Amino acid sequence: MSWVSIGSITDIPRRGARCVETPLGKIAVFRTAEDRVFAIEDHCPHKGGPLSQGIVHGAAVACPLHNWVISLETGKALGADEGSVRTIPVKLEGERLFIAVAAEAKADRAA
């Protein structure tokens, strides 16, 4: 696994998101009001809604289509809903953001 720079934390508004294209699909990178950063797949497990366009509250996001609430920490649907999305390791070094890219994704990109 290697780390890929995706920009600065200041590129993402507090309680907002940024969408990043990767070899494995779209990844939504979220910044909470407390400046915690999370990355998950950008599709709701319910009907595929764009989670990056949802409302961030605490460490969760509400899907803009049907209001499913997804934990940014675990990727799991909260409440009575069931389903999950993949979480992506993310790290912050100073103000720079990085996401983890699996070795097989890098090999696919090089081909």
PDB file of N, CA and C in Angstrom:
ATOM      1  N   MET A   1       0.845  -1.170   0.000  1.00  0.00           N
ATOM      2  CA  MET A   1       0.000   0.000   0.000  1.00  0.00           C
ATOM      3  C   MET A   1       0.893   1.238   0.000  1.00  0.00           C
ATOM      4  N   SER A   2       0.490   2.237  -0.780  1.00  0.00           N
ATOM      5  CA  SER A   2       1.249   3.481  -0.793  1.00  0.00           C
ATOM      6  C   SER A   2       0.285   4.654  -0.604  1.00  0.00           C
ATOM      7  N   TRP A   3       0.843   5.794  -0.263  1.00  0.00           N
ATOM      8  CA  TRP A   3       0.053   6.985   0.016  1.00  0.00           C
ATOM      9  C   TRP A   3       0.140   7.947  -1.159  1.00  0.00           C
ATOM     10  N   VAL A   4      -1.011   8.512  -1.557  1.00  0.00           N
ATOM     11  CA  VAL A   4      -1.092   9.444  -2.660  1.00  0.00           C
ATOM     12  C   VAL A   4      -1.626  10.776  -2.138  1.00  0.00           C
ATOM     13  N   SER A   5      -0.917  11.854  -2.452  1.00  0.00           N
ATOM     14  CA  SER A   5      -1.349  13.189  -2.045  1.00  0.00           C
ATOM     15  C   SER A   5      -2.599  13.583  -2.821  1.00  0.00           C
ATOM     16  N   ILE A   6      -3.588  14.120  -2.110  1.00  0.00           N
ATOM     17  CA  ILE A   6      -4.828  14.544  -2.767  1.00  0.00           C
ATOM     18  C   ILE A   6      -5.130  16.016  -2.532  1.00  0.00           C
ATOM     19  N   GLY A   7      -4.177  16.744  -1.958  1.00  0.00           N
ATOM     20  CA  GLY A   7      -4.392  18.176  -1.745  1.00  0.00           C
ATOM     21  C   GLY A   7      -4.226  18.559  -0.297  1.00  0.00           C
ATOM     22  N   SER A   8      -4.836  19.669   0.049  1.00  0.00           N
ATOM     23  CA  SER A   8      -4.719  20.237   1.386  1.00  0.00           C
ATOM     24  C   SER A   8      -6.048  20.118   2.135  1.00  0.00           C
ATOM     25  N   ILE A   9      -5.971  20.049   3.451  1.00  0.00           N
ATOM     26  CA  ILE A   9      -7.200  20.022   4.251  1.00  0.00           C
ATOM     27  C   ILE A   9      -8.028  21.274   3.997  1.00  0.00           C
ATOM     28  N   THR A  10      -7.358  22.379   3.669  1.00  0.00           N
ATOM     29  CA  THR A  10      -8.089  23.629   3.409  1.00  0.00           C
ATOM     30  C   THR A  10      -8.865  23.594   2.092  1.00  0.00           C
ATOM     31  N   ASP A  11      -8.623  22.584   1.254  1.00  0.00           N
ATOM     32  CA  ASP A  11      -9.398  22.411   0.017  1.00  0.00           C
ATOM     33  C   ASP A  11     -10.814  21.922   0.307  1.00  0.00           C
ATOM     34  N   ILE A  12     -11.024  21.412   1.510  1.00  0.00           N
ATOM     35  CA  ILE A  12     -12.324  20.848   1.897  1.00  0.00           C
ATOM     36  C   ILE A  12     -12.922  21.748   2.972  1.00  0.00           C
ATOM     37  N   PRO A  13     -14.112  22.281   2.754  1.00  0.00           N
ATOM     38  CA  PRO A  13     -14.717  23.119   3.792  1.00  0.00           C
ATOM     39  C   PRO A  13     -15.089  22.286   5.023  1.00  0.00           C
ATOM     40  N   ARG A  14     -15.075  22.907   6.183  1.00  0.00           N
ATOM     41  CA  ARG A  14     -15.534  22.199   7.387  1.00  0.00           C
ATOM     42  C   ARG A  14     -16.971  21.740   7.155  1.00  0.00           C
ATOM     43  N   ARG A  15     -17.251  20.499   7.581  1.00  0.00           N
ATOM     44  CA  ARG A  15     -18.552  19.856   7.389  1.00  0.00           C
ATOM     45  C   ARG A  15     -18.881  19.699   5.905  1.00  0.00           C
ATOM     46  N   GLY A  16     -17.814  19.485   5.106  1.00  0.00           N
ATOM     47  CA  GLY A  16     -17.991  19.313   3.676  1.00  0.00           C
ATOM     48  C   GLY A  16     -17.180  18.148   3.147  1.00  0.00           C
ATOM     49  N   ALA A  17     -17.150  18.018   1.829  1.00  0.00           N
ATOM     50  CA  ALA A  17     -16.462  16.887   1.198  1.00  0.00           C
ATOM     51  C   ALA A  17     -15.847  17.305  -0.123  1.00  0.00           C
ATOM     52  N   ARG A  18     -14.956  16.474  -0.572  1.00  0.00           N
ATOM     53  CA  ARG A  18     -14.325  16.602  -1.883  1.00  0.00           C
ATOM     54  C   ARG A  18     -14.318  15.202  -2.489  1.00  0.00           C
ATOM     55  N   CYS A  19     -14.566  15.100  -3.769  1.00  0.00           N
ATOM     56  CA  CYS A  19     -14.584  13.814  -4.449  1.00  0.00           C
ATOM     57  C   CYS A  19     -13.267  13.645  -5.205  1.00  0.00           C
ATOM     58  N   VAL A  20     -12.663  12.459  -5.073  1.00  0.00           N
ATOM     59  CA  VAL A  20     -11.387  12.155  -5.704  1.00  0.00           C
ATOM     60  C   VAL A  20     -11.561  10.922  -6.583  1.00  0.00           C
ATOM     61  N   GLU A  21     -11.133  11.013  -7.841  1.00  0.00           N
ATOM     62  CA  GLU A  21     -11.155   9.861  -8.751  1.00  0.00           C
ATOM     63  C   GLU A  21      -9.927   8.999  -8.471  1.00  0.00           C
ATOM     64  N   THR A  22     -10.125   7.703  -8.315  1.00  0.00           N
ATOM     65  CA  THR A  22      -9.024   6.769  -8.116  1.00  0.00           C
ATOM     66  C   THR A  22      -9.205   5.599  -9.084  1.00  0.00           C
ATOM     67  N   PRO A  23      -8.189   4.758  -9.233  1.00  0.00           N
ATOM     68  CA  PRO A  23      -8.349   3.581 -10.097  1.00  0.00           C
ATOM     69  C   PRO A  23      -9.466   2.649  -9.609  1.00  0.00           C
ATOM     70  N   LEU A  24      -9.843   2.758  -8.342  1.00  0.00           N
ATOM     71  CA  LEU A  24     -10.895   1.900  -7.804  1.00  0.00           C
ATOM     72  C   LEU A  24     -12.254   2.596  -7.744  1.00  0.00           C
ATOM     73  N   GLY A  25     -12.365   3.780  -8.317  1.00  0.00           N
ATOM     74  CA  GLY A  25     -13.630   4.506  -8.331  1.00  0.00           C
ATOM     75  C   GLY A  25     -13.547   5.808  -7.558  1.00  0.00           C
ATOM     76  N   LYS A  26     -14.706   6.464  -7.411  1.00  0.00           N
ATOM     77  CA  LYS A  26     -14.768   7.744  -6.719  1.00  0.00           C
ATOM     78  C   LYS A  26     -14.694   7.547  -5.210  1.00  0.00           C
ATOM     79  N   ILE A  27     -13.853   8.375  -4.587  1.00  0.00           N
ATOM     80  CA  ILE A  27     -13.700   8.368  -3.138  1.00  0.00           C
ATOM     81  C   ILE A  27     -14.129   9.740  -2.627  1.00  0.00           C
ATOM     82  N   ALA A  28     -14.970   9.761  -1.608  1.00  0.00           N
ATOM     83  CA  ALA A  28     -15.389  11.008  -0.974  1.00  0.00           C
ATOM     84  C   ALA A  28     -14.513  11.231   0.252  1.00  0.00           C
ATOM     85  N   VAL A  29     -13.898  12.399   0.326  1.00  0.00           N
ATOM     86  CA  VAL A  29     -13.044  12.758   1.454  1.00  0.00           C
ATOM     87  C   VAL A  29     -13.766  13.846   2.233  1.00  0.00           C
ATOM     88  N   PHE A  30     -14.019  13.580   3.498  1.00  0.00           N
ATOM     89  CA  PHE A  30     -14.816  14.463   4.347  1.00  0.00           C
ATOM     90  C   PHE A  30     -13.968  15.141   5.406  1.00  0.00           C
ATOM     91  N   ARG A  31     -14.353  16.368   5.746  1.00  0.00           N
ATOM     92  CA  ARG A  31     -13.736  17.115   6.852  1.00  0.00           C
ATOM     93  C   ARG A  31     -14.852  17.498   7.811  1.00  0.00           C
ATOM     94  N   THR A  32     -14.709  17.109   9.066  1.00  0.00           N
ATOM     95  CA  THR A  32     -15.735  17.417  10.054  1.00  0.00           C
ATOM     96  C   THR A  32     -15.520  18.826  10.620  1.00  0.00           C
ATOM     97  N   ALA A  33     -16.449  19.273  11.425  1.00  0.00           N
ATOM     98  CA  ALA A  33     -16.338  20.583  12.075  1.00  0.00           C
ATOM     99  C   ALA A  33     -15.112  20.635  12.986  1.00  0.00           C
ATOM    100  N   GLU A  34     -14.666  19.474  13.468  1.00  0.00           N
ATOM    101  CA  GLU A  34     -13.511  19.381  14.358  1.00  0.00           C
ATOM    102  C   GLU A  34     -12.219  19.110  13.592  1.00  0.00           C
ATOM    103  N   ASP A  35     -12.251  19.220  12.272  1.00  0.00           N
ATOM    104  CA  ASP A  35     -11.103  18.982  11.390  1.00  0.00           C
ATOM    105  C   ASP A  35     -10.628  17.538  11.370  1.00  0.00           C
ATOM    106  N   ARG A  36     -11.500  16.587  11.693  1.00  0.00           N
ATOM    107  CA  ARG A  36     -11.182  15.178  11.471  1.00  0.00           C
ATOM    108  C   ARG A  36     -11.438  14.896   9.996  1.00  0.00           C
ATOM    109  N   VAL A  37     -10.636  14.014   9.411  1.00  0.00           N
ATOM    110  CA  VAL A  37     -10.747  13.723   7.986  1.00  0.00           C
ATOM    111  C   VAL A  37     -11.008  12.234   7.793  1.00  0.00           C
ATOM    112  N   PHE A  38     -11.954  11.915   6.919  1.00  0.00           N
ATOM    113  CA  PHE A  38     -12.327  10.533   6.615  1.00  0.00           C
ATOM    114  C   PHE A  38     -12.465  10.373   5.108  1.00  0.00           C
ATOM    115  N   ALA A  39     -12.261   9.152   4.623  1.00  0.00           N
ATOM    116  CA  ALA A  39     -12.461   8.855   3.204  1.00  0.00           C
ATOM    117  C   ALA A  39     -13.268   7.564   3.079  1.00  0.00           C
ATOM    118  N   ILE A  40     -14.312   7.609   2.258  1.00  0.00           N
ATOM    119  CA  ILE A  40     -15.162   6.438   2.006  1.00  0.00           C
ATOM    120  C   ILE A  40     -15.551   6.433   0.529  1.00  0.00           C
ATOM    121  N   GLU A  41     -16.053   5.306   0.072  1.00  0.00           N
ATOM    122  CA  GLU A  41     -16.578   5.234  -1.292  1.00  0.00           C
ATOM    123  C   GLU A  41     -17.704   6.260  -1.441  1.00  0.00           C
ATOM    124  N   ASP A  42     -17.793   6.863  -2.617  1.00  0.00           N
ATOM    125  CA  ASP A  42     -18.764   7.934  -2.831  1.00  0.00           C
ATOM    126  C   ASP A  42     -20.089   7.415  -3.377  1.00  0.00           C
ATOM    127  N   HIS A  43     -20.599   6.361  -2.789  1.00  0.00           N
ATOM    128  CA  HIS A  43     -21.931   5.903  -3.187  1.00  0.00           C
ATOM    129  C   HIS A  43     -22.624   5.261  -1.997  1.00  0.00           C
ATOM    130  N   CYS A  44     -23.865   5.668  -1.792  1.00  0.00           N
ATOM    131  CA  CYS A  44     -24.654   5.137  -0.685  1.00  0.00           C
ATOM    132  C   CYS A  44     -24.976   3.663  -0.956  1.00  0.00           C
ATOM    133  N   PRO A  45     -24.928   2.817   0.092  1.00  0.00           N
ATOM    134  CA  PRO A  45     -25.249   1.400  -0.117  1.00  0.00           C
ATOM    135  C   PRO A  45     -26.726   1.163  -0.436  1.00  0.00           C
ATOM    136  N   HIS A  46     -27.578   2.161  -0.260  1.00  0.00           N
ATOM    137  CA  HIS A  46     -29.009   2.009  -0.506  1.00  0.00           C
ATOM    138  C   HIS A  46     -29.324   2.091  -1.999  1.00  0.00           C
ATOM    139  N   LYS A  47     -29.118   3.256  -2.604  1.00  0.00           N
ATOM    140  CA  LYS A  47     -29.449   3.445  -4.021  1.00  0.00           C
ATOM    141  C   LYS A  47     -28.311   4.098  -4.798  1.00  0.00           C
ATOM    142  N   GLY A  48     -27.106   4.126  -4.210  1.00  0.00           N
ATOM    143  CA  GLY A  48     -25.950   4.647  -4.913  1.00  0.00           C
ATOM    144  C   GLY A  48     -25.820   6.156  -4.931  1.00  0.00           C
ATOM    145  N   GLY A  49     -26.547   6.839  -4.061  1.00  0.00           N
ATOM    146  CA  GLY A  49     -26.474   8.301  -4.017  1.00  0.00           C
ATOM    147  C   GLY A  49     -25.067   8.805  -3.744  1.00  0.00           C
ATOM    148  N   PRO A  50     -24.735  10.012  -4.216  1.00  0.00           N
ATOM    149  CA  PRO A  50     -23.400  10.575  -4.038  1.00  0.00           C
ATOM    150  C   PRO A  50     -23.196  11.100  -2.611  1.00  0.00           C
ATOM    151  N   LEU A  51     -22.533  10.327  -1.784  1.00  0.00           N
ATOM    152  CA  LEU A  51     -22.350  10.716  -0.388  1.00  0.00           C
ATOM    153  C   LEU A  51     -21.575  12.022  -0.248  1.00  0.00           C
ATOM    154  N   SER A  52     -20.707  12.326  -1.218  1.00  0.00           N
ATOM    155  CA  SER A  52     -19.933  13.568  -1.157  1.00  0.00           C
ATOM    156  C   SER A  52     -20.838  14.804  -1.218  1.00  0.00           C
ATOM    157  N   GLN A  53     -22.076  14.640  -1.630  1.00  0.00           N
ATOM    158  CA  GLN A  53     -23.018  15.756  -1.693  1.00  0.00           C
ATOM    159  C   GLN A  53     -23.954  15.785  -0.493  1.00  0.00           C
ATOM    160  N   GLY A  54     -23.719  14.887   0.471  1.00  0.00           N
ATOM    161  CA  GLY A  54     -24.572  14.808   1.649  1.00  0.00           C
ATOM    162  C   GLY A  54     -24.201  15.816   2.717  1.00  0.00           C
ATOM    163  N   ILE A  55     -24.992  15.838   3.781  1.00  0.00           N
ATOM    164  CA  ILE A  55     -24.773  16.742   4.907  1.00  0.00           C
ATOM    165  C   ILE A  55     -23.967  16.015   5.970  1.00  0.00           C
ATOM    166  N   VAL A  56     -22.839  16.611   6.364  1.00  0.00           N
ATOM    167  CA  VAL A  56     -21.961  16.039   7.392  1.00  0.00           C
ATOM    168  C   VAL A  56     -22.422  16.533   8.754  1.00  0.00           C
ATOM    169  N   HIS A  57     -22.577  15.603   9.685  1.00  0.00           N
ATOM    170  CA  HIS A  57     -22.908  15.962  11.066  1.00  0.00           C
ATOM    171  C   HIS A  57     -22.165  15.005  11.977  1.00  0.00           C
ATOM    172  N   GLY A  58     -21.350  15.570  12.855  1.00  0.00           N
ATOM    173  CA  GLY A  58     -20.493  14.731  13.684  1.00  0.00           C
ATOM    174  C   GLY A  58     -19.559  13.943  12.786  1.00  0.00           C
ATOM    175  N   ALA A  59     -19.485  12.632  13.015  1.00  0.00           N
ATOM    176  CA  ALA A  59     -18.650  11.745  12.197  1.00  0.00           C
ATOM    177  C   ALA A  59     -19.529  10.880  11.300  1.00  0.00           C
ATOM    178  N   ALA A  60     -20.559  11.506  10.716  1.00  0.00           N
ATOM    179  CA  ALA A  60     -21.482  10.791   9.828  1.00  0.00           C
ATOM    180  C   ALA A  60     -21.894  11.724   8.694  1.00  0.00           C
ATOM    181  N   VAL A  61     -22.437  11.109   7.634  1.00  0.00           N
ATOM    182  CA  VAL A  61     -22.960  11.876   6.507  1.00  0.00           C
ATOM    183  C   VAL A  61     -24.340  11.332   6.162  1.00  0.00           C
ATOM    184  N   ALA A  62     -25.265  12.237   5.843  1.00  0.00           N
ATOM    185  CA  ALA A  62     -26.610  11.846   5.420  1.00  0.00           C
ATOM    186  C   ALA A  62     -26.648  11.870   3.895  1.00  0.00           C
ATOM    187  N   CYS A  63     -27.045  10.762   3.298  1.00  0.00           N
ATOM    188  CA  CYS A  63     -27.135  10.678   1.842  1.00  0.00           C
ATOM    189  C   CYS A  63     -28.159  11.695   1.333  1.00  0.00           C
ATOM    190  N   PRO A  64     -27.834  12.423   0.253  1.00  0.00           N
ATOM    191  CA  PRO A  64     -28.759  13.431  -0.254  1.00  0.00           C
ATOM    192  C   PRO A  64     -30.012  12.861  -0.926  1.00  0.00           C
ATOM    193  N   LEU A  65     -30.004  11.568  -1.267  1.00  0.00           N
ATOM    194  CA  LEU A  65     -31.178  11.004  -1.950  1.00  0.00           C
ATOM    195  C   LEU A  65     -32.284  10.568  -0.995  1.00  0.00           C
ATOM    196  N   HIS A  66     -31.941   9.744  -0.008  1.00  0.00           N
ATOM    197  CA  HIS A  66     -32.974   9.169   0.860  1.00  0.00           C
ATOM    198  C   HIS A  66     -32.650   9.291   2.341  1.00  0.00           C
ATOM    199  N   ASN A  67     -31.675  10.141   2.664  1.00  0.00           N
ATOM    200  CA  ASN A  67     -31.337  10.474   4.050  1.00  0.00           C
ATOM    201  C   ASN A  67     -30.784   9.316   4.872  1.00  0.00           C
ATOM    202  N   TRP A  68     -30.251   8.293   4.228  1.00  0.00           N
ATOM    203  CA  TRP A  68     -29.550   7.263   4.994  1.00  0.00           C
ATOM    204  C   TRP A  68     -28.344   7.918   5.641  1.00  0.00           C
ATOM    205  N   VAL A  69     -28.041   7.539   6.874  1.00  0.00           N
ATOM    206  CA  VAL A  69     -26.899   8.107   7.583  1.00  0.00           C
ATOM    207  C   VAL A  69     -25.784   7.062   7.624  1.00  0.00           C
ATOM    208  N   ILE A  70     -24.600   7.456   7.152  1.00  0.00           N
ATOM    209  CA  ILE A  70     -23.455   6.556   7.051  1.00  0.00           C
ATOM    210  C   ILE A  70     -22.353   7.044   7.985  1.00  0.00           C
ATOM    211  N   SER A  71     -21.820   6.147   8.793  1.00  0.00           N
ATOM    212  CA  SER A  71     -20.701   6.476   9.675  1.00  0.00           C
ATOM    213  C   SER A  71     -19.454   6.707   8.833  1.00  0.00           C
ATOM    214  N   LEU A  72     -18.795   7.841   9.050  1.00  0.00           N
ATOM    215  CA  LEU A  72     -17.544   8.103   8.348  1.00  0.00           C
ATOM    216  C   LEU A  72     -16.410   7.276   8.926  1.00  0.00           C
ATOM    217  N   GLU A  73     -16.550   6.835  10.169  1.00  0.00           N
ATOM    218  CA  GLU A  73     -15.514   6.036  10.823  1.00  0.00           C
ATOM    219  C   GLU A  73     -15.523   4.584  10.365  1.00  0.00           C
ATOM    220  N   THR A  74     -16.709   4.005  10.203  1.00  0.00           N
ATOM    221  CA  THR A  74     -16.813   2.576   9.881  1.00  0.00           C
ATOM    222  C   THR A  74     -17.347   2.294   8.481  1.00  0.00           C
ATOM    223  N   GLY A  75     -18.015   3.265   7.871  1.00  0.00           N
ATOM    224  CA  GLY A  75     -18.650   3.059   6.570  1.00  0.00           C
ATOM    225  C   GLY A  75     -19.998   2.369   6.668  1.00  0.00           C
ATOM    226  N   LYS A  76     -20.458   2.071   7.873  1.00  0.00           N
ATOM    227  CA  LYS A  76     -21.724   1.346   8.060  1.00  0.00           C
ATOM    228  C   LYS A  76     -22.906   2.299   8.166  1.00  0.00           C
ATOM    229  N   ALA A  77     -24.054   1.839   7.648  1.00  0.00           N
ATOM    230  CA  ALA A  77     -25.301   2.585   7.796  1.00  0.00           C
ATOM    231  C   ALA A  77     -25.692   2.580   9.267  1.00  0.00           C
ATOM    232  N   LEU A  78     -26.197   3.707   9.737  1.00  0.00           N
ATOM    233  CA  LEU A  78     -26.587   3.836  11.138  1.00  0.00           C
ATOM    234  C   LEU A  78     -28.098   3.735  11.280  1.00  0.00           C
ATOM    235  N   GLY A  79     -28.563   3.516  12.500  1.00  0.00           N
ATOM    236  CA  GLY A  79     -29.994   3.400  12.754  1.00  0.00           C
ATOM    237  C   GLY A  79     -30.512   2.055  12.275  1.00  0.00           C
ATOM    238  N   ALA A  80     -31.727   2.063  11.757  1.00  0.00           N
ATOM    239  CA  ALA A  80     -32.377   0.820  11.324  1.00  0.00           C
ATOM    240  C   ALA A  80     -31.898   0.351   9.946  1.00  0.00           C
ATOM    241  N   ASP A  81     -31.200   1.214   9.217  1.00  0.00           N
ATOM    242  CA  ASP A  81     -30.742   0.862   7.870  1.00  0.00           C
ATOM    243  C   ASP A  81     -29.559  -0.099   7.942  1.00  0.00           C
ATOM    244  N   GLU A  82     -29.411  -0.922   6.894  1.00  0.00           N
ATOM    245  CA  GLU A  82     -28.324  -1.888   6.842  1.00  0.00           C
ATOM    246  C   GLU A  82     -27.563  -1.742   5.536  1.00  0.00           C
ATOM    247  N   GLY A  83     -26.259  -1.907   5.629  1.00  0.00           N
ATOM    248  CA  GLY A  83     -25.392  -1.793   4.468  1.00  0.00           C
ATOM    249  C   GLY A  83     -24.139  -1.051   4.868  1.00  0.00           C
ATOM    250  N   SER A  84     -23.167  -1.040   3.973  1.00  0.00           N
ATOM    251  CA  SER A  84     -21.928  -0.338   4.281  1.00  0.00           C
ATOM    252  C   SER A  84     -21.192   0.018   2.997  1.00  0.00           C
ATOM    253  N   VAL A  85     -20.255   0.931   3.140  1.00  0.00           N
ATOM    254  CA  VAL A  85     -19.344   1.292   2.062  1.00  0.00           C
ATOM    255  C   VAL A  85     -17.928   1.081   2.576  1.00  0.00           C
ATOM    256  N   ARG A  86     -17.005   0.954   1.649  1.00  0.00           N
ATOM    257  CA  ARG A  86     -15.602   0.744   2.004  1.00  0.00           C
ATOM    258  C   ARG A  86     -15.011   2.035   2.545  1.00  0.00           C
ATOM    259  N   THR A  87     -14.254   1.937   3.616  1.00  0.00           N
ATOM    260  CA  THR A  87     -13.509   3.079   4.126  1.00  0.00           C
ATOM    261  C   THR A  87     -12.101   3.026   3.542  1.00  0.00           C
ATOM    262  N   ILE A  88     -11.507   4.180   3.360  1.00  0.00           N
ATOM    263  CA  ILE A  88     -10.179   4.292   2.777  1.00  0.00           C
ATOM    264  C   ILE A  88      -9.271   4.949   3.818  1.00  0.00           C
ATOM    265  N   PRO A  89      -8.103   4.368   4.085  1.00  0.00           N
ATOM    266  CA  PRO A  89      -7.188   5.030   5.025  1.00  0.00           C
ATOM    267  C   PRO A  89      -6.790   6.411   4.507  1.00  0.00           C
ATOM    268  N   VAL A  90      -6.820   7.382   5.398  1.00  0.00           N
ATOM    269  CA  VAL A  90      -6.450   8.752   5.062  1.00  0.00           C
ATOM    270  C   VAL A  90      -5.553   9.285   6.171  1.00  0.00           C
ATOM    271  N   LYS A  91      -4.575  10.112   5.804  1.00  0.00           N
ATOM    272  CA  LYS A  91      -3.722  10.714   6.828  1.00  0.00           C
ATOM    273  C   LYS A  91      -3.459  12.164   6.483  1.00  0.00           C
ATOM    274  N   LEU A  92      -3.145  12.922   7.514  1.00  0.00           N
ATOM    275  CA  LEU A  92      -2.877  14.336   7.406  1.00  0.00           C
ATOM    276  C   LEU A  92      -1.458  14.582   7.888  1.00  0.00           C
ATOM    277  N   GLU A  93      -0.646  15.203   7.052  1.00  0.00           N
ATOM    278  CA  GLU A  93       0.724  15.585   7.423  1.00  0.00           C
ATOM    279  C   GLU A  93       0.815  17.093   7.244  1.00  0.00           C
ATOM    280  N   GLY A  94       0.823  17.807   8.355  1.00  0.00           N
ATOM    281  CA  GLY A  94       0.719  19.262   8.276  1.00  0.00           C
ATOM    282  C   GLY A  94      -0.659  19.582   7.752  1.00  0.00           C
ATOM    283  N   GLU A  95      -0.733  20.246   6.605  1.00  0.00           N
ATOM    284  CA  GLU A  95      -2.026  20.507   5.969  1.00  0.00           C
ATOM    285  C   GLU A  95      -2.273  19.600   4.767  1.00  0.00           C
ATOM    286  N   ARG A  96      -1.308  18.741   4.398  1.00  0.00           N
ATOM    287  CA  ARG A  96      -1.422  17.868   3.235  1.00  0.00           C
ATOM    288  C   ARG A  96      -2.223  16.618   3.570  1.00  0.00           C
ATOM    289  N   LEU A  97      -3.137  16.256   2.681  1.00  0.00           N
ATOM    290  CA  LEU A  97      -3.951  15.051   2.824  1.00  0.00           C
ATOM    291  C   LEU A  97      -3.417  13.964   1.906  1.00  0.00           C
ATOM    292  N   PHE A  98      -3.456  12.725   2.399  1.00  0.00           N
ATOM    293  CA  PHE A  98      -3.042  11.559   1.639  1.00  0.00           C
ATOM    294  C   PHE A  98      -4.078  10.461   1.826  1.00  0.00           C
ATOM    295  N   ILE A  99      -4.349   9.693   0.743  1.00  0.00           N
ATOM    296  CA  ILE A  99      -5.162   8.489   0.873  1.00  0.00           C
ATOM    297  C   ILE A  99      -4.302   7.301   0.494  1.00  0.00           C
ATOM    298  N   ALA A 100      -4.634   6.156   1.069  1.00  0.00           N
ATOM    299  CA  ALA A 100      -3.910   4.924   0.786  1.00  0.00           C
ATOM    300  C   ALA A 100      -4.434   4.308  -0.502  1.00  0.00           C
ATOM    301  N   VAL A 101      -3.501   3.901  -1.342  1.00  0.00           N
ATOM    302  CA  VAL A 101      -3.848   3.224  -2.591  1.00  0.00           C
ATOM    303  C   VAL A 101      -3.188   1.856  -2.555  1.00  0.00           C
ATOM    304  N   ALA A 102      -3.986   0.827  -2.768  1.00  0.00           N
ATOM    305  CA  ALA A 102      -3.460  -0.536  -2.736  1.00  0.00           C
ATOM    306  C   ALA A 102      -2.491  -0.757  -3.888  1.00  0.00           C
ATOM    307  N   ALA A 103      -1.553  -1.647  -3.679  1.00  0.00           N
ATOM    308  CA  ALA A 103      -0.530  -1.943  -4.690  1.00  0.00           C
ATOM    309  C   ALA A 103      -1.163  -2.394  -6.005  1.00  0.00           C
ATOM    310  N   GLU A 104      -2.247  -3.166  -5.952  1.00  0.00           N
ATOM    311  CA  GLU A 104      -2.862  -3.654  -7.188  1.00  0.00           C
ATOM    312  C   GLU A 104      -3.489  -2.504  -7.976  1.00  0.00           C
ATOM    313  N   ALA A 105      -3.974  -1.463  -7.292  1.00  0.00           N
ATOM    314  CA  ALA A 105      -4.534  -0.314  -7.988  1.00  0.00           C
ATOM    315  C   ALA A 105      -3.437   0.452  -8.705  1.00  0.00           C
ATOM    316  N   LYS A 106      -2.259   0.580  -8.077  1.00  0.00           N
ATOM    317  CA  LYS A 106      -1.148   1.257  -8.726  1.00  0.00           C
ATOM    318  C   LYS A 106      -0.693   0.481  -9.954  1.00  0.00           C
ATOM    319  N   ALA A 107      -0.697  -0.850  -9.878  1.00  0.00           N
ATOM    320  CA  ALA A 107      -0.305  -1.679 -11.017  1.00  0.00           C
ATOM    321  C   ALA A 107      -1.297  -1.497 -12.171  1.00  0.00           C
ATOM    322  N   ASP A 108      -2.595  -1.440 -11.857  1.00  0.00           N
ATOM    323  CA  ASP A 108      -3.603  -1.216 -12.883  1.00  0.00           C
ATOM    324  C   ASP A 108      -3.413   0.135 -13.561  1.00  0.00           C
ATOM    325  N   ARG A 109      -3.082   1.162 -12.795  1.00  0.00           N
ATOM    326  CA  ARG A 109      -2.909   2.495 -13.317  1.00  0.00           C
ATOM    327  C   ARG A 109      -1.702   2.562 -14.234  1.00  0.00           C
ATOM    328  N   ALA A 110      -0.657   1.798 -13.929  1.00  0.00           N
ATOM    329  CA  ALA A 110       0.568   1.806 -14.722  1.00  0.00           C
ATOM    330  C   ALA A 110       0.399   1.066 -16.047  1.00  0.00           C
ATOM    331  N   ALA A 111      -0.541   0.144 -16.123  1.00  0.00           N
ATOM    332  CA  ALA A 111      -0.730  -0.676 -17.316  1.00  0.00           C
ATOM    333  C   ALA A 111      -1.317   0.098 -18.482  1.00  0.00           C
TER     334      ALA A 111
END
